[in-house]
PDB file of N, CA and C in Angstrom:
ATOM      1  N   MET A   1      32.107 -46.320-127.217  1.00  0.00           N
ATOM      2  CA  MET A   1      31.591 -47.525-126.728  1.00  0.00           C
ATOM      3  C   MET A   1      32.627 -48.329-127.787  1.00  0.00           C
ATOM      4  N   SER A   2      32.672 -49.601-127.552  1.00  0.00           N
ATOM      5  CA  SER A   2      33.746 -50.671-128.090  1.00  0.00           C
ATOM      6  C   SER A   2      32.763 -50.716-129.684  1.00  0.00           C
ATOM      7  N   SER A   3      31.096 -50.490-129.987  1.00  0.00           N
ATOM      8  CA  SER A   3      30.844 -50.976-130.943  1.00  0.00           C
ATOM      9  C   SER A   3      31.265 -49.629-132.093  1.00  0.00           C
ATOM     10  N   GLY A   4      31.281 -48.844-131.986  1.00  0.00           N
ATOM     11  CA  GLY A   4      32.186 -47.364-133.153  1.00  0.00           C
ATOM     12  C   GLY A   4      31.002 -46.379-132.802  1.00  0.00           C
ATOM     13  N   TYR A   5      29.512 -46.746-132.267  1.00  0.00           N
ATOM     14  CA  TYR A   5      28.595 -45.127-132.365  1.00  0.00           C
ATOM     15  C   TYR A   5      28.636 -44.463-130.783  1.00  0.00           C
ATOM     16  N   GLY A   6      28.399 -43.403-131.500  1.00  0.00           N
ATOM     17  CA  GLY A   6      28.109 -42.600-130.520  1.00  0.00           C
ATOM     18  C   GLY A   6      26.996 -41.855-130.090  1.00  0.00           C
ATOM     19  N   LEU A   7      26.570 -41.156-129.002  1.00  0.00           N
ATOM     20  CA  LEU A   7      25.596 -40.825-128.559  1.00  0.00           C
ATOM     21  C   LEU A   7      24.649 -39.972-129.960  1.00  0.00           C
ATOM     22  N   ASN A   8      25.860 -39.220-131.193  1.00  0.00           N
ATOM     23  CA  ASN A   8      25.090 -38.322-132.165  1.00  0.00           C
ATOM     24  C   ASN A   8      24.952 -39.523-133.583  1.00  0.00           C
ATOM     25  N   GLY A   9      25.651 -40.665-133.739  1.00  0.00           N
ATOM     26  CA  GLY A   9      25.358 -41.644-134.213  1.00  0.00           C
ATOM     27  C   GLY A   9      26.874 -41.814-134.889  1.00  0.00           C
ATOM     28  N   GLY A  10      27.783 -40.652-134.631  1.00  0.00           N
ATOM     29  CA  GLY A  10      29.272 -41.037-135.559  1.00  0.00           C
ATOM     30  C   GLY A  10      29.795 -41.401-134.403  1.00  0.00           C
ATOM     31  N   PRO A  11      31.008 -42.032-134.711  1.00  0.00           N
ATOM     32  CA  PRO A  11      32.163 -42.260-133.893  1.00  0.00           C
ATOM     33  C   PRO A  11      32.045 -42.066-132.324  1.00  0.00           C
ATOM     34  N   SER A  12      32.224 -42.739-131.802  1.00  0.00           N
ATOM     35  CA  SER A  12      32.347 -42.454-130.632  1.00  0.00           C
ATOM     36  C   SER A  12      33.778 -42.036-130.253  1.00  0.00           C
ATOM     37  N   ARG A  13      33.870 -41.193-128.889  1.00  0.00           N
ATOM     38  CA  ARG A  13      35.361 -40.767-128.262  1.00  0.00           C
ATOM     39  C   ARG A  13      36.244 -41.703-128.653  1.00  0.00           C
ATOM     40  N   CYS A  14      35.986 -42.796-128.161  1.00  0.00           N
ATOM     41  CA  CYS A  14      36.914 -44.081-127.222  1.00  0.00           C
ATOM     42  C   CYS A  14      37.294 -44.790-128.562  1.00  0.00           C
ATOM     43  N   PHE A  15      36.181 -44.995-129.608  1.00  0.00           N
ATOM     44  CA  PHE A  15      36.836 -46.145-130.646  1.00  0.00           C
ATOM     45  C   PHE A  15      38.013 -45.891-131.324  1.00  0.00           C
ATOM     46  N   PRO A  16      38.578 -44.400-131.644  1.00  0.00           N
ATOM     47  CA  PRO A  16      39.492 -44.757-132.117  1.00  0.00           C
ATOM     48  C   PRO A  16      40.820 -45.398-131.169  1.00  0.00           C
ATOM     49  N   PHE A  17      40.833 -45.398-129.995  1.00  0.00           N
ATOM     50  CA  PHE A  17      40.957 -46.517-128.950  1.00  0.00           C
ATOM     51  C   PHE A  17      40.948 -47.741-129.053  1.00  0.00           C
ATOM     52  N   TRP A  18      40.074 -48.032-129.033  1.00  0.00           N
ATOM     53  CA  TRP A  18      39.124 -49.072-129.203  1.00  0.00           C
ATOM     54  C   TRP A  18      40.128 -50.043-130.398  1.00  0.00           C
ATOM     55  N   GLN A  19      40.109 -49.528-131.489  1.00  0.00           N
ATOM     56  CA  GLN A  19      40.907 -49.864-132.898  1.00  0.00           C
ATOM     57  C   GLN A  19      42.147 -50.540-132.511  1.00  0.00           C
ATOM     58  N   GLU A  20      42.610 -49.179-131.774  1.00  0.00           N
ATOM     59  CA  GLU A  20      44.447 -49.343-131.692  1.00  0.00           C
ATOM     60  C   GLU A  20      44.770 -51.082-130.766  1.00  0.00           C
ATOM     61  N   VAL A  21      43.889 -50.954-129.825  1.00  0.00           N
ATOM     62  CA  VAL A  21      43.555 -52.287-128.289  1.00  0.00           C
ATOM     63  C   VAL A  21      43.333 -53.155-129.620  1.00  0.00           C
ATOM     64  N   LEU A  22      42.575 -53.369-130.587  1.00  0.00           N
ATOM     65  CA  LEU A  22      42.283 -54.758-131.296  1.00  0.00           C
ATOM     66  C   LEU A  22      43.343 -54.739-132.060  1.00  0.00           C
ATOM     67  N   ALA A  23      43.698 -53.817-132.359  1.00  0.00           N
ATOM     68  CA  ALA A  23      44.813 -54.061-133.538  1.00  0.00           C
ATOM     69  C   ALA A  23      46.066 -54.721-132.693  1.00  0.00           C
ATOM     70  N   CYS A  24      46.482 -54.434-131.712  1.00  0.00           N
ATOM     71  CA  CYS A  24      47.520 -54.301-131.156  1.00  0.00           C
ATOM     72  C   CYS A  24      47.479 -56.287-130.745  1.00  0.00           C
ATOM     73  N   TYR A  25      46.498 -56.525-129.878  1.00  0.00           N
ATOM     74  CA  TYR A  25      45.485 -57.878-129.981  1.00  0.00           C
ATOM     75  C   TYR A  25      46.121 -58.767-131.051  1.00  0.00           C
ATOM     76  N   VAL A  26      45.773 -58.542-132.132  1.00  0.00           N
ATOM     77  CA  VAL A  26      45.952 -58.957-133.278  1.00  0.00           C
ATOM     78  C   VAL A  26      47.006 -59.030-133.927  1.00  0.00           C
ATOM     79  N   VAL A  27      47.773 -58.273-133.637  1.00  0.00           N
ATOM     80  CA  VAL A  27      49.462 -58.449-134.052  1.00  0.00           C
ATOM     81  C   VAL A  27      50.163 -59.190-132.747  1.00  0.00           C
ATOM     82  N   ASN A  28      49.649 -58.943-132.043  1.00  0.00           N
ATOM     83  CA  ASN A  28      50.875 -59.892-130.508  1.00  0.00           C
ATOM     84  C   ASN A  28      50.241 -60.887-130.004  1.00  0.00           C
ATOM     85  N   THR A  29      48.951 -61.389-130.707  1.00  0.00           N
ATOM     86  CA  THR A  29      48.591 -62.917-130.099  1.00  0.00           C
ATOM     87  C   THR A  29      47.848 -63.230-130.776  1.00  0.00           C
ATOM     88  N   ASN A  30      48.033 -64.882-130.719  1.00  0.00           N
ATOM     89  CA  ASN A  30      47.414 -65.788-131.446  1.00  0.00           C
ATOM     90  C   ASN A  30      46.832 -66.878-130.889  1.00  0.00           C
ATOM     91  N   SER A  31      46.084 -68.177-131.256  1.00  0.00           N
ATOM     92  CA  SER A  31      45.218 -68.870-130.641  1.00  0.00           C
ATOM     93  C   SER A  31      46.340 -69.712-129.260  1.00  0.00           C
ATOM     94  N   GLU A  32      47.307 -69.647-130.033  1.00  0.00           N
ATOM     95  CA  GLU A  32      48.117 -70.742-129.011  1.00  0.00           C
ATOM     96  C   GLU A  32      48.747 -69.762-127.440  1.00  0.00           C
ATOM     97  N   ASP A  33      49.238 -68.826-128.211  1.00  0.00           N
ATOM     98  CA  ASP A  33      49.785 -67.867-126.948  1.00  0.00           C
ATOM     99  C   ASP A  33      49.370 -66.734-126.939  1.00  0.00           C
ATOM    100  N   ASP A  34      48.866 -66.346-125.766  1.00  0.00           N
ATOM    101  CA  ASP A  34      48.830 -65.033-125.487  1.00  0.00           C
ATOM    102  C   ASP A  34      49.314 -63.939-124.135  1.00  0.00           C
ATOM    103  N   SER A  35      50.737 -64.556-124.502  1.00  0.00           N
ATOM    104  CA  SER A  35      51.807 -64.182-124.001  1.00  0.00           C
ATOM    105  C   SER A  35      51.977 -62.510-124.413  1.00  0.00           C
ATOM    106  N   GLY A  36      51.373 -62.245-125.394  1.00  0.00           N
ATOM    107  CA  GLY A  36      51.508 -60.876-126.345  1.00  0.00           C
ATOM    108  C   GLY A  36      51.062 -59.695-126.014  1.00  0.00           C
ATOM    109  N   LYS A  37      49.776 -59.824-124.989  1.00  0.00           N
ATOM    110  CA  LYS A  37      49.122 -59.541-124.347  1.00  0.00           C
ATOM    111  C   LYS A  37      49.687 -58.230-123.356  1.00  0.00           C
ATOM    112  N   LYS A  38      51.053 -58.775-122.932  1.00  0.00           N
ATOM    113  CA  LYS A  38      51.582 -57.939-122.138  1.00  0.00           C
ATOM    114  C   LYS A  38      51.839 -56.528-122.959  1.00  0.00           C
ATOM    115  N   LYS A  39      52.194 -57.183-124.296  1.00  0.00           N
ATOM    116  CA  LYS A  39      52.361 -55.577-124.962  1.00  0.00           C
ATOM    117  C   LYS A  39      51.418 -54.412-125.215  1.00  0.00           C
ATOM    118  N   CYS A  40      50.306 -54.855-125.226  1.00  0.00           N
ATOM    119  CA  CYS A  40      49.507 -54.066-125.280  1.00  0.00           C
ATOM    120  C   CYS A  40      48.734 -53.439-124.344  1.00  0.00           C
ATOM    121  N   LEU A  41      49.082 -53.501-122.867  1.00  0.00           N
ATOM    122  CA  LEU A  41      49.099 -52.771-121.579  1.00  0.00           C
ATOM    123  C   LEU A  41      49.052 -51.209-121.649  1.00  0.00           C
ATOM    124  N   PRO A  42      49.986 -50.926-122.543  1.00  0.00           N
ATOM    125  CA  PRO A  42      50.014 -49.071-122.168  1.00  0.00           C
ATOM    126  C   PRO A  42      48.562 -48.605-123.395  1.00  0.00           C
ATOM    127  N   VAL A  43      48.270 -49.499-124.505  1.00  0.00           N
ATOM    128  CA  VAL A  43      46.876 -49.087-125.278  1.00  0.00           C
ATOM    129  C   VAL A  43      46.021 -49.432-124.273  1.00  0.00           C
ATOM    130  N   LEU A  44      45.964 -50.391-124.073  1.00  0.00           N
ATOM    131  CA  LEU A  44      44.599 -50.832-122.789  1.00  0.00           C
ATOM    132  C   LEU A  44      44.789 -49.735-122.542  1.00  0.00           C
ATOM    133  N   GLU A  45      45.926 -49.221-121.401  1.00  0.00           N
ATOM    134  CA  GLU A  45      45.917 -48.043-120.573  1.00  0.00           C
ATOM    135  C   GLU A  45      44.828 -46.781-121.147  1.00  0.00           C
ATOM    136  N   ASP A  46      45.587 -46.395-122.613  1.00  0.00           N
ATOM    137  CA  ASP A  46      45.095 -45.051-123.065  1.00  0.00           C
ATOM    138  C   ASP A  46      43.339 -45.252-123.268  1.00  0.00           C
ATOM    139  N   TYR A  47      43.122 -46.236-123.175  1.00  0.00           N
ATOM    140  CA  TYR A  47      41.648 -46.705-123.753  1.00  0.00           C
ATOM    141  C   TYR A  47      41.246 -46.411-122.810  1.00  0.00           C
ATOM    142  N   TYR A  48      41.234 -46.897-121.092  1.00  0.00           N
ATOM    143  CA  TYR A  48      40.546 -47.264-120.157  1.00  0.00           C
ATOM    144  C   TYR A  48      40.649 -45.557-119.848  1.00  0.00           C
ATOM    145  N   GLU A  49      41.871 -44.485-119.959  1.00  0.00           N
ATOM    146  CA  GLU A  49      42.234 -43.012-119.611  1.00  0.00           C
ATOM    147  C   GLU A  49      40.600 -42.773-120.271  1.00  0.00           C
ATOM    148  N   CYS A  50      40.776 -43.120-121.914  1.00  0.00           N
ATOM    149  CA  CYS A  50      39.652 -41.973-122.613  1.00  0.00           C
ATOM    150  C   CYS A  50      37.930 -42.212-121.987  1.00  0.00           C
ATOM    151  N   LEU A  51      37.977 -43.866-121.165  1.00  0.00           N
ATOM    152  CA  LEU A  51      36.562 -43.866-120.755  1.00  0.00           C
ATOM    153  C   LEU A  51      36.116 -43.372-119.275  1.00  0.00           C
ATOM    154  N   HIS A  52      37.369 -43.438-118.549  1.00  0.00           N
ATOM    155  CA  HIS A  52      37.022 -43.242-117.345  1.00  0.00           C
ATOM    156  C   HIS A  52      37.707 -42.058-116.989  1.00  0.00           C
ATOM    157  N   HIS A  53      39.074 -41.516-117.614  1.00  0.00           N
ATOM    158  CA  HIS A  53      39.416 -39.831-117.464  1.00  0.00           C
ATOM    159  C   HIS A  53      40.437 -40.283-116.027  1.00  0.00           C
ATOM    160  N   LYS A  54      40.558 -41.078-115.024  1.00  0.00           N
ATOM    161  CA  LYS A  54      41.153 -41.232-114.024  1.00  0.00           C
ATOM    162  C   LYS A  54      41.838 -40.278-113.579  1.00  0.00           C
ATOM    163  N   LYS A  55      43.068 -40.649-114.477  1.00  0.00           N
ATOM    164  CA  LYS A  55      44.211 -40.131-114.792  1.00  0.00           C
ATOM    165  C   LYS A  55      43.923 -38.285-114.905  1.00  0.00           C
ATOM    166  N   GLU A  56      43.501 -37.735-115.416  1.00  0.00           N
ATOM    167  CA  GLU A  56      43.242 -36.696-115.722  1.00  0.00           C
ATOM    168  C   GLU A  56      42.160 -36.016-114.377  1.00  0.00           C
ATOM    169  N   ALA A  57      41.252 -36.750-113.706  1.00  0.00           N
ATOM    170  CA  ALA A  57      40.738 -36.094-112.926  1.00  0.00           C
ATOM    171  C   ALA A  57      41.709 -36.144-111.150  1.00  0.00           C
ATOM    172  N   THR A  58      42.841 -36.808-111.431  1.00  0.00           N
ATOM    173  CA  THR A  58      44.040 -37.323-110.626  1.00  0.00           C
ATOM    174  C   THR A  58      44.639 -35.784-110.629  1.00  0.00           C
ATOM    175  N   ARG A  59      45.158 -35.669-111.879  1.00  0.00           N
ATOM    176  CA  ARG A  59      45.764 -34.389-112.128  1.00  0.00           C
ATOM    177  C   ARG A  59      45.027 -33.098-111.864  1.00  0.00           C
ATOM    178  N   VAL A  60      44.418 -33.047-112.310  1.00  0.00           N
ATOM    179  CA  VAL A  60      43.044 -31.680-111.719  1.00  0.00           C
ATOM    180  C   VAL A  60      42.909 -31.819-110.186  1.00  0.00           C
ATOM    181  N   ARG A  61      42.420 -32.536-109.546  1.00  0.00           N
ATOM    182  CA  ARG A  61      42.360 -32.733-108.096  1.00  0.00           C
ATOM    183  C   ARG A  61      44.168 -32.088-107.918  1.00  0.00           C
ATOM    184  N   ALA A  62      45.098 -32.787-107.837  1.00  0.00           N
ATOM    185  CA  ALA A  62      46.480 -31.852-107.856  1.00  0.00           C
ATOM    186  C   ALA A  62      46.594 -30.440-107.678  1.00  0.00           C
ATOM    187  N   LEU A  63      46.456 -30.510-108.998  1.00  0.00           N
ATOM    188  CA  LEU A  63      46.466 -28.399-109.265  1.00  0.00           C
ATOM    189  C   LEU A  63      45.975 -27.646-108.595  1.00  0.00           C
ATOM    190  N   GLN A  64      44.112 -28.493-108.175  1.00  0.00           N
ATOM    191  CA  GLN A  64      43.332 -27.517-107.334  1.00  0.00           C
ATOM    192  C   GLN A  64      44.162 -27.503-105.786  1.00  0.00           C
ATOM    193  N   THR A  65      44.166 -28.574-105.713  1.00  0.00           N
ATOM    194  CA  THR A  65      44.985 -28.476-104.150  1.00  0.00           C
ATOM    195  C   THR A  65      46.062 -27.801-103.759  1.00  0.00           C
ATOM    196  N   ALA A  66      47.076 -27.916-104.900  1.00  0.00           N
ATOM    197  CA  ALA A  66      48.062 -27.065-104.871  1.00  0.00           C
ATOM    198  C   ALA A  66      47.758 -25.537-105.084  1.00  0.00           C
ATOM    199  N   TYR A  67      46.840 -25.128-105.457  1.00  0.00           N
ATOM    200  CA  TYR A  67      46.390 -23.852-106.171  1.00  0.00           C
ATOM    201  C   TYR A  67      45.960 -23.280-105.025  1.00  0.00           C
ATOM    202  N   ARG A  68      45.207 -24.056-104.274  1.00  0.00           N
ATOM    203  CA  ARG A  68      44.353 -23.532-103.034  1.00  0.00           C
ATOM    204  C   ARG A  68      45.675 -23.353-101.672  1.00  0.00           C
ATOM    205  N   LYS A  69      46.187 -24.451-101.880  1.00  0.00           N
ATOM    206  CA  LYS A  69      47.831 -24.390-100.670  1.00  0.00           C
ATOM    207  C   LYS A  69      48.151 -22.834-101.260  1.00  0.00           C
ATOM    208  N   ALA A  70      48.222 -22.842-102.314  1.00  0.00           N
ATOM    209  CA  ALA A  70      49.373 -21.379-102.665  1.00  0.00           C
ATOM    210  C   ALA A  70      48.569 -20.206-102.232  1.00  0.00           C
ATOM    211  N   GLU A  71      46.731 -20.393-102.292  1.00  0.00           N
ATOM    212  CA  GLU A  71      46.643 -18.902-102.536  1.00  0.00           C
ATOM    213  C   GLU A  71      46.106 -18.694-100.733  1.00  0.00           C
ATOM    214  N   THR A  72      46.214 -19.690 -99.903  1.00  0.00           N
ATOM    215  CA  THR A  72      46.061 -19.512 -98.859  1.00  0.00           C
ATOM    216  C   THR A  72      47.637 -18.863 -97.773  1.00  0.00           C
ATOM    217  N   ALA A  73      48.661 -19.277 -98.767  1.00  0.00           N
ATOM    218  CA  ALA A  73      49.573 -18.927 -98.412  1.00  0.00           C
ATOM    219  C   ALA A  73      50.144 -17.865 -98.215  1.00  0.00           C
ATOM    220  N   HIS A  74      49.535 -17.399 -99.414  1.00  0.00           N
ATOM    221  CA  HIS A  74      50.047 -15.789 -99.720  1.00  0.00           C
ATOM    222  C   HIS A  74      48.809 -15.261-100.036  1.00  0.00           C
ATOM    223  N   PRO A  75      48.046 -14.314 -99.423  1.00  0.00           N
ATOM    224  CA  PRO A  75      46.936 -13.882 -99.477  1.00  0.00           C
ATOM    225  C   PRO A  75      47.044 -12.343-100.013  1.00  0.00           C
ATOM    226  N   ARG A  76      45.877 -12.193-100.999  1.00  0.00           N
ATOM    227  CA  ARG A  76      45.888 -10.480-102.187  1.00  0.00           C
ATOM    228  C   ARG A  76      46.633  -9.656-100.887  1.00  0.00           C
ATOM    229  N   ASP A  77      47.407  -8.899-100.959  1.00  0.00           N
ATOM    230  CA  ASP A  77      47.780  -7.634-100.089  1.00  0.00           C
ATOM    231  C   ASP A  77      46.598  -6.663-100.588  1.00  0.00           C
ATOM    232  N   ASP A  78      45.990  -6.271-101.679  1.00  0.00           N
ATOM    233  CA  ASP A  78      45.489  -5.597-102.267  1.00  0.00           C
ATOM    234  C   ASP A  78      43.637  -6.004-102.223  1.00  0.00           C
ATOM    235  N   ALA A  79      43.519  -6.726-101.265  1.00  0.00           N
ATOM    236  CA  ALA A  79      42.185  -7.385-101.303  1.00  0.00           C
ATOM    237  C   ALA A  79      41.206  -6.479-100.920  1.00  0.00           C
ATOM    238  N   PRO A  80      39.952  -6.366-101.217  1.00  0.00           N
ATOM    239  CA  PRO A  80      39.323  -5.519-100.593  1.00  0.00           C
ATOM    240  C   PRO A  80      38.414  -5.944 -99.074  1.00  0.00           C
ATOM    241  N   LYS A  81      38.280  -4.870 -98.195  1.00  0.00           N
ATOM    242  CA  LYS A  81      37.707  -5.578 -96.701  1.00  0.00           C
ATOM    243  C   LYS A  81      36.415  -5.329 -97.192  1.00  0.00           C
ATOM    244  N   ALA A  82      35.614  -6.215 -96.447  1.00  0.00           N
ATOM    245  CA  ALA A  82      34.180  -5.856 -96.195  1.00  0.00           C
ATOM    246  C   ALA A  82      33.195  -4.856 -96.004  1.00  0.00           C
ATOM    247  N   GLY A  83      34.143  -4.165 -95.391  1.00  0.00           N
ATOM    248  CA  GLY A  83      33.648  -2.906 -94.450  1.00  0.00           C
ATOM    249  C   GLY A  83      33.875  -1.864 -96.044  1.00  0.00           C
ATOM    250  N   SER A  84      34.726  -1.896 -96.890  1.00  0.00           N
ATOM    251  CA  SER A  84      34.877  -1.212 -97.487  1.00  0.00           C
ATOM    252  C   SER A  84      33.977  -1.509 -99.095  1.00  0.00           C
ATOM    253  N   ILE A  85      33.470  -2.693 -99.250  1.00  0.00           N
ATOM    254  CA  ILE A  85      32.222  -2.821-100.316  1.00  0.00           C
ATOM    255  C   ILE A  85      31.285  -1.981-100.782  1.00  0.00           C
ATOM    256  N   ARG A  86      30.762  -0.947-101.403  1.00  0.00           N
ATOM    257  CA  ARG A  86      29.991  -0.339-101.771  1.00  0.00           C
ATOM    258  C   ARG A  86      28.813  -1.209-101.642  1.00  0.00           C
ATOM    259  N   ASN A  87      27.589  -2.336-101.240  1.00  0.00           N
ATOM    260  CA  ASN A  87      27.048  -3.073-101.594  1.00  0.00           C
ATOM    261  C   ASN A  87      25.587  -3.170-101.298  1.00  0.00           C
ATOM    262  N   LEU A  88      25.026  -1.962-101.528  1.00  0.00           N
ATOM    263  CA  LEU A  88      24.072  -1.448-101.415  1.00  0.00           C
ATOM    264  C   LEU A  88      22.936  -1.617-100.719  1.00  0.00           C
ATOM    265  N   GLY A  89      23.532  -1.477 -99.501  1.00  0.00           N
ATOM    266  CA  GLY A  89      23.309  -1.626 -98.114  1.00  0.00           C
ATOM    267  C   GLY A  89      23.238  -3.017 -97.040  1.00  0.00           C
ATOM    268  N   LEU A  90      23.949  -3.738 -97.887  1.00  0.00           N
ATOM    269  CA  LEU A  90      23.891  -5.368 -97.255  1.00  0.00           C
ATOM    270  C   LEU A  90      24.803  -5.365 -95.820  1.00  0.00           C
ATOM    271  N   LEU A  91      25.777  -4.515 -95.954  1.00  0.00           N
ATOM    272  CA  LEU A  91      26.546  -4.699 -94.615  1.00  0.00           C
ATOM    273  C   LEU A  91      27.303  -3.374 -93.704  1.00  0.00           C
ATOM    274  N   ASP A  92      25.498  -2.951 -93.239  1.00  0.00           N
ATOM    275  CA  ASP A  92      25.670  -1.518 -92.693  1.00  0.00           C
ATOM    276  C   ASP A  92      26.442  -0.233 -93.602  1.00  0.00           C
ATOM    277  N   LYS A  93      25.960  -0.190 -94.151  1.00  0.00           N
ATOM    278  CA  LYS A  93      26.523   1.169 -95.176  1.00  0.00           C
ATOM    279  C   LYS A  93      25.059   1.843 -96.446  1.00  0.00           C
ATOM    280  N   GLU A  94      24.120   2.247 -95.212  1.00  0.00           N
ATOM    281  CA  GLU A  94      23.078   2.578 -95.792  1.00  0.00           C
ATOM    282  C   GLU A  94      22.909   3.869 -96.212  1.00  0.00           C
ATOM    283  N   GLU A  95      24.123   4.526 -95.467  1.00  0.00           N
ATOM    284  CA  GLU A  95      24.257   6.187 -95.775  1.00  0.00           C
ATOM    285  C   GLU A  95      25.083   5.935 -97.325  1.00  0.00           C
ATOM    286  N   ASP A  96      26.088   5.690 -97.432  1.00  0.00           N
ATOM    287  CA  ASP A  96      26.607   5.363 -98.728  1.00  0.00           C
ATOM    288  C   ASP A  96      25.683   4.632 -99.868  1.00  0.00           C
ATOM    289  N   THR A  97      25.033   3.947 -99.471  1.00  0.00           N
ATOM    290  CA  THR A  97      24.067   3.124-100.333  1.00  0.00           C
ATOM    291  C   THR A  97      23.198   4.606-100.535  1.00  0.00           C
ATOM    292  N   LYS A  98      22.515   5.170-100.107  1.00  0.00           N
ATOM    293  CA  LYS A  98      21.318   6.212-100.445  1.00  0.00           C
ATOM    294  C   LYS A  98      22.272   7.378-100.807  1.00  0.00           C
ATOM    295  N   ALA A  99      23.245   7.562-100.943  1.00  0.00           N
ATOM    296  CA  ALA A  99      24.113   8.553-101.547  1.00  0.00           C
ATOM    297  C   ALA A  99      24.420   8.480-102.797  1.00  0.00           C
ATOM    298  N   VAL A 100      24.785   7.257-103.182  1.00  0.00           N
ATOM    299  CA  VAL A 100      24.816   6.669-104.194  1.00  0.00           C
ATOM    300  C   VAL A 100      23.935   6.678-105.138  1.00  0.00           C
ATOM    301  N   LEU A 101      22.700   5.926-104.820  1.00  0.00           N
ATOM    302  CA  LEU A 101      21.571   6.137-105.604  1.00  0.00           C
ATOM    303  C   LEU A 101      20.826   7.876-105.895  1.00  0.00           C
ATOM    304  N   ASP A 102      21.099   8.576-104.167  1.00  0.00           N
ATOM    305  CA  ASP A 102      20.837  10.206-104.837  1.00  0.00           C
ATOM    306  C   ASP A 102      21.494  10.659-105.487  1.00  0.00           C
ATOM    307  N   SER A 103      23.020  10.205-106.196  1.00  0.00           N
ATOM    308  CA  SER A 103      23.442  11.437-106.793  1.00  0.00           C
ATOM    309  C   SER A 103      23.277  10.615-108.378  1.00  0.00           C
ATOM    310  N   LYS A 104      22.713   9.742-108.711  1.00  0.00           N
ATOM    311  CA  LYS A 104      22.135   8.879-110.355  1.00  0.00           C
ATOM    312  C   LYS A 104      21.091  10.160-110.249  1.00  0.00           C
TER     313      LYS A 104
END
């Protein structure tokens, strides 16, 4: 929050970014001329990213999409088949399950 107090009483995670925004406004604007606010857009963008994580979420979604696409394009060669997995009788393997349990 812009108040500077986080949930645990200390400074919030975005408070340093908010201080940078305020410092930029103080340096670049005055009461007669607000044209200096344009210089503060990158700092304000960093503050909004800290608050909402929109760029980070977009990047994560793009990475996940690329990973899933690559995974479907190149399936594992050594992936076990459902019938070869010993699963304690869940897929028609009651005899194998009994043999494993009896051998112990």
